[in-house]
Amino acid sequence: YDAGKLLYDSGFYNESIVHFYYSMYALAKILLLNKDITTKSHEGTINMIQVHYVKTGELDKRFHKGLASSGSLRNEVDYYNRDDISQGIAREKRNICSDFLLEVKKMVNIE
């Protein structure tokens, strides 16, 4: 998250998207591991967050939506050379990542 924030603050919006997504992905993996659930793919991780956290009411659906949309955007930046990410889009991803980080810290009691 911190690397994404530094990139965002320096105007590197495309690169910040990648870091915000991977931060959210790592947080999702922490949540799943907290329930002894492992996944083998990004898609599997995103799906299992939906099943084991959103559907149970333990996690607001906006975090799943933010994770999934950030993953799609990360793919566009990394694999399709998308280079037109606006500050507004990057800010949105920064904000959901920051909120997700705070939420996961509360849920698993970490600092």
C-alpha atoms as a PDB file:
ATOM      1  CA  TYR A   1       0.000   0.000   0.000  1.00  0.00           C
ATOM      2  CA  ASP A   2       2.749   2.422   0.928  1.00  0.00           C
ATOM      3  CA  ALA A   3       4.510   1.954  -2.420  1.00  0.00           C
ATOM      4  CA  GLY A   4       1.222   2.545  -4.240  1.00  0.00           C
ATOM      5  CA  LYS A   5       0.624   5.686  -2.224  1.00  0.00           C
ATOM      6  CA  LEU A   6       4.112   7.013  -3.048  1.00  0.00           C
ATOM      7  CA  LEU A   7       3.534   6.330  -6.736  1.00  0.00           C
ATOM      8  CA  TYR A   8       0.098   7.945  -6.600  1.00  0.00           C
ATOM      9  CA  ASP A   9       1.461  11.013  -4.803  1.00  0.00           C
ATOM     10  CA  SER A  10       4.180  11.294  -7.479  1.00  0.00           C
ATOM     11  CA  GLY A  11       1.663  11.173 -10.336  1.00  0.00           C
ATOM     12  CA  PHE A  12       2.402   7.603 -11.448  1.00  0.00           C
ATOM     13  CA  TYR A  13      -1.234   6.559 -11.511  1.00  0.00           C
ATOM     14  CA  ASN A  14      -0.874   3.458 -13.693  1.00  0.00           C
ATOM     15  CA  GLU A  15       1.847   2.031 -11.478  1.00  0.00           C
ATOM     16  CA  SER A  16      -0.061   2.898  -8.300  1.00  0.00           C
ATOM     17  CA  ILE A  17      -3.007   0.787  -9.502  1.00  0.00           C
ATOM     18  CA  VAL A  18      -0.797  -2.296  -9.607  1.00  0.00           C
ATOM     19  CA  HIS A  19       0.415  -1.774  -6.042  1.00  0.00           C
ATOM     20  CA  PHE A  20      -3.038  -1.018  -4.673  1.00  0.00           C
ATOM     21  CA  TYR A  21      -4.395  -4.182  -6.250  1.00  0.00           C
ATOM     22  CA  TYR A  22      -1.611  -6.383  -4.898  1.00  0.00           C
ATOM     23  CA  SER A  23      -2.104  -4.868  -1.459  1.00  0.00           C
ATOM     24  CA  MET A  24      -5.777  -5.763  -1.573  1.00  0.00           C
ATOM     25  CA  TYR A  25      -4.961  -9.211  -2.932  1.00  0.00           C
ATOM     26  CA  ALA A  26      -2.556  -9.869  -0.045  1.00  0.00           C
ATOM     27  CA  LEU A  27      -5.194  -8.690   2.429  1.00  0.00           C
ATOM     28  CA  ALA A  28      -7.738 -11.038   0.862  1.00  0.00           C
ATOM     29  CA  LYS A  29      -5.263 -13.914   1.189  1.00  0.00           C
ATOM     30  CA  ILE A  30      -4.821 -13.044   4.890  1.00  0.00           C
ATOM     31  CA  LEU A  31      -8.577 -13.183   5.413  1.00  0.00           C
ATOM     32  CA  LEU A  32      -8.835 -16.532   3.676  1.00  0.00           C
ATOM     33  CA  LEU A  33      -5.891 -17.983   5.576  1.00  0.00           C
ATOM     34  CA  ASN A  34      -7.610 -16.839   8.754  1.00  0.00           C
ATOM     35  CA  LYS A  35     -10.280 -19.447   7.848  1.00  0.00           C
ATOM     36  CA  ASP A  36      -7.717 -22.028   6.656  1.00  0.00           C
ATOM     37  CA  ILE A  37      -8.698 -21.457   3.015  1.00  0.00           C
ATOM     38  CA  THR A  38      -6.022 -21.475   0.344  1.00  0.00           C
ATOM     39  CA  THR A  39      -6.423 -20.594  -3.305  1.00  0.00           C
ATOM     40  CA  LYS A  40      -4.255 -21.102  -6.357  1.00  0.00           C
ATOM     41  CA  SER A  41      -5.243 -18.102  -8.440  1.00  0.00           C
ATOM     42  CA  HIS A  42      -6.220 -14.479  -8.218  1.00  0.00           C
ATOM     43  CA  GLU A  43      -9.691 -15.304  -9.498  1.00  0.00           C
ATOM     44  CA  GLY A  44     -10.046 -18.043  -6.900  1.00  0.00           C
ATOM     45  CA  THR A  45      -9.064 -15.652  -4.132  1.00  0.00           C
ATOM     46  CA  ILE A  46     -11.575 -13.062  -5.294  1.00  0.00           C
ATOM     47  CA  ASN A  47     -14.329 -15.699  -5.562  1.00  0.00           C
ATOM     48  CA  MET A  48     -13.592 -17.148  -2.123  1.00  0.00           C
ATOM     49  CA  ILE A  49     -13.773 -13.685  -0.534  1.00  0.00           C
ATOM     50  CA  GLN A  50     -17.269 -13.419  -1.998  1.00  0.00           C
ATOM     51  CA  VAL A  51     -18.301 -16.847  -0.713  1.00  0.00           C
ATOM     52  CA  HIS A  52     -16.676 -16.857   2.715  1.00  0.00           C
ATOM     53  CA  TYR A  53     -16.874 -13.199   3.712  1.00  0.00           C
ATOM     54  CA  VAL A  54     -19.360 -11.173   1.692  1.00  0.00           C
ATOM     55  CA  LYS A  55     -22.159 -13.752   1.578  1.00  0.00           C
ATOM     56  CA  THR A  56     -21.768 -14.371   5.319  1.00  0.00           C
ATOM     57  CA  GLY A  57     -22.048 -10.663   6.039  1.00  0.00           C
ATOM     58  CA  GLU A  58     -18.574 -10.461   7.565  1.00  0.00           C
ATOM     59  CA  LEU A  59     -17.295  -8.111   4.865  1.00  0.00           C
ATOM     60  CA  ASP A  60     -19.030  -5.314   3.020  1.00  0.00           C
ATOM     61  CA  LYS A  61     -19.544  -6.117  -0.670  1.00  0.00           C
ATOM     62  CA  ARG A  62     -17.810  -2.875  -1.660  1.00  0.00           C
ATOM     63  CA  PHE A  63     -14.489  -4.469  -0.698  1.00  0.00           C
ATOM     64  CA  HIS A  64     -15.104  -7.468  -2.945  1.00  0.00           C
ATOM     65  CA  LYS A  65     -16.187  -5.160  -5.748  1.00  0.00           C
ATOM     66  CA  GLY A  66     -13.098  -2.981  -5.203  1.00  0.00           C
ATOM     67  CA  LEU A  67     -10.811  -6.005  -5.204  1.00  0.00           C
ATOM     68  CA  ALA A  68     -12.341  -7.436  -8.377  1.00  0.00           C
ATOM     69  CA  SER A  69     -12.368  -4.140 -10.277  1.00  0.00           C
ATOM     70  CA  SER A  70      -8.812  -3.336  -9.182  1.00  0.00           C
ATOM     71  CA  GLY A  71      -7.726  -6.764 -10.424  1.00  0.00           C
ATOM     72  CA  SER A  72      -9.293  -6.152 -13.824  1.00  0.00           C
ATOM     73  CA  LEU A  73      -7.676  -2.750 -14.067  1.00  0.00           C
ATOM     74  CA  ARG A  74      -4.321  -4.166 -12.989  1.00  0.00           C
ATOM     75  CA  ASN A  75      -4.553  -6.684 -15.839  1.00  0.00           C
ATOM     76  CA  GLU A  76      -5.190  -3.891 -18.321  1.00  0.00           C
ATOM     77  CA  VAL A  77      -2.181  -1.932 -17.059  1.00  0.00           C
ATOM     78  CA  ASP A  78       0.189  -4.910 -16.872  1.00  0.00           C
ATOM     79  CA  TYR A  79      -0.819  -6.954 -19.901  1.00  0.00           C
ATOM     80  CA  TYR A  80      -2.509  -4.582 -22.319  1.00  0.00           C
ATOM     81  CA  ASN A  81      -0.286  -1.549 -21.798  1.00  0.00           C
ATOM     82  CA  ARG A  82      -3.104   0.669 -20.659  1.00  0.00           C
ATOM     83  CA  ASP A  83      -1.462   3.962 -19.828  1.00  0.00           C
ATOM     84  CA  ASP A  84      -4.333   6.380 -19.390  1.00  0.00           C
ATOM     85  CA  ILE A  85      -5.326   5.889 -15.754  1.00  0.00           C
ATOM     86  CA  SER A  86      -6.625   9.192 -14.443  1.00  0.00           C
ATOM     87  CA  GLN A  87      -5.919  10.629 -11.038  1.00  0.00           C
ATOM     88  CA  GLY A  88      -9.582  10.125 -10.162  1.00  0.00           C
ATOM     89  CA  ILE A  89      -9.527   6.402 -10.922  1.00  0.00           C
ATOM     90  CA  ALA A  90      -6.253   5.962  -9.046  1.00  0.00           C
ATOM     91  CA  ARG A  91      -7.671   7.921  -6.095  1.00  0.00           C
ATOM     92  CA  GLU A  92     -10.706   5.646  -6.012  1.00  0.00           C
ATOM     93  CA  LYS A  93      -8.474   2.564  -5.914  1.00  0.00           C
ATOM     94  CA  ARG A  94      -6.236   4.153  -3.266  1.00  0.00           C
ATOM     95  CA  ASN A  95      -9.244   4.894  -1.084  1.00  0.00           C
ATOM     96  CA  ILE A  96     -10.793   1.429  -1.314  1.00  0.00           C
ATOM     97  CA  CYS A  97      -7.396  -0.114  -0.645  1.00  0.00           C
ATOM     98  CA  SER A  98      -6.894   2.076   2.418  1.00  0.00           C
ATOM     99  CA  ASP A  99     -10.367   1.249   3.735  1.00  0.00           C
ATOM    100  CA  PHE A 100      -9.830  -2.468   3.094  1.00  0.00           C
ATOM    101  CA  LEU A 101      -6.525  -2.349   4.947  1.00  0.00           C
ATOM    102  CA  LEU A 102      -8.196  -0.799   7.987  1.00  0.00           C
ATOM    103  CA  GLU A 103     -11.056  -3.300   7.848  1.00  0.00           C
ATOM    104  CA  VAL A 104      -8.782  -6.344   7.640  1.00  0.00           C
ATOM    105  CA  LYS A 105      -6.642  -5.036  10.494  1.00  0.00           C
ATOM    106  CA  LYS A 106      -9.766  -4.894  12.664  1.00  0.00           C
ATOM    107  CA  MET A 107     -11.004  -8.288  11.535  1.00  0.00           C
ATOM    108  CA  VAL A 108      -7.804 -10.197  12.222  1.00  0.00           C
ATOM    109  CA  ASN A 109      -6.559  -7.945  15.011  1.00  0.00           C
ATOM    110  CA  ILE A 110      -3.241  -6.880  13.484  1.00  0.00           C
ATOM    111  CA  GLU A 111      -1.440  -3.550  13.435  1.00  0.00           C
END
